[in-house]
Amino acid sequence: MKFFSGSFSQSSIFESGNDEVLERVKKGYTAQEARVQLRRLNEAGIEFFDMVMYGLAGRGKGLPNAMDTAALLNEVRSKAIFPMSSTLIPGTELHMEYLKGDFEEAAEMERIIELRTFIEHLNVKDDTRISSLHASNALTLSGILPRDKQSFIDGLNDFIEKTDADEFQRSINRSALRL
């Protein structure tokens, strides 16, 4: 797990709480190992922010990733959570798997459903900032959990119900996000 120090906090980029995803992207640790390290930060009184990635599991695998990642975060106290949609970066192993046909990217609507599932299963006890303000995200959420949880779910449900998935897919240019 990577940590970036600040003067009063840490940022953790563990990306997923799903062991299959962590192994596929070669993070070098398991969800349980991430859980232990994040709990140690809690016990030491060190605040941290979490960056998690939806879409990283690939097509058809997002819901278990969402539920496992939420379950991990439910067991620790994060100051903030920043969900980001995965973007394949040329030269990475995952991008090479994609080019060979060994990895299939999640469709855009599938990513939104994964994000909704993540939020539905996220049950933080303390006020926790959540923001998806990032170039990789098709939709932006910003607020405080648990206060804004139902509003996020309702908004995502409304978007899913009213948006044509094919048109939405065509409107997002992931290749423009690649370096």
Foldseek 3Di string as FASTA:
>chain_A
DDWDDDPQAIEDEPQFQCQVLCVVQVVPDHSVVVLVVQVVCVVVVHAYEYEYEAQSVAAPPLLVRLLRRLVSPQSHDHQEYAYFYDADAPPGPQVVCVVVVNGHTYFLLVRLVSVLSNLVNRDHDDWYWYWHPDPRHPDIDTDIPPVCSVVSNVVSVVCSVPDDSVVSRVVDDSVVVYD
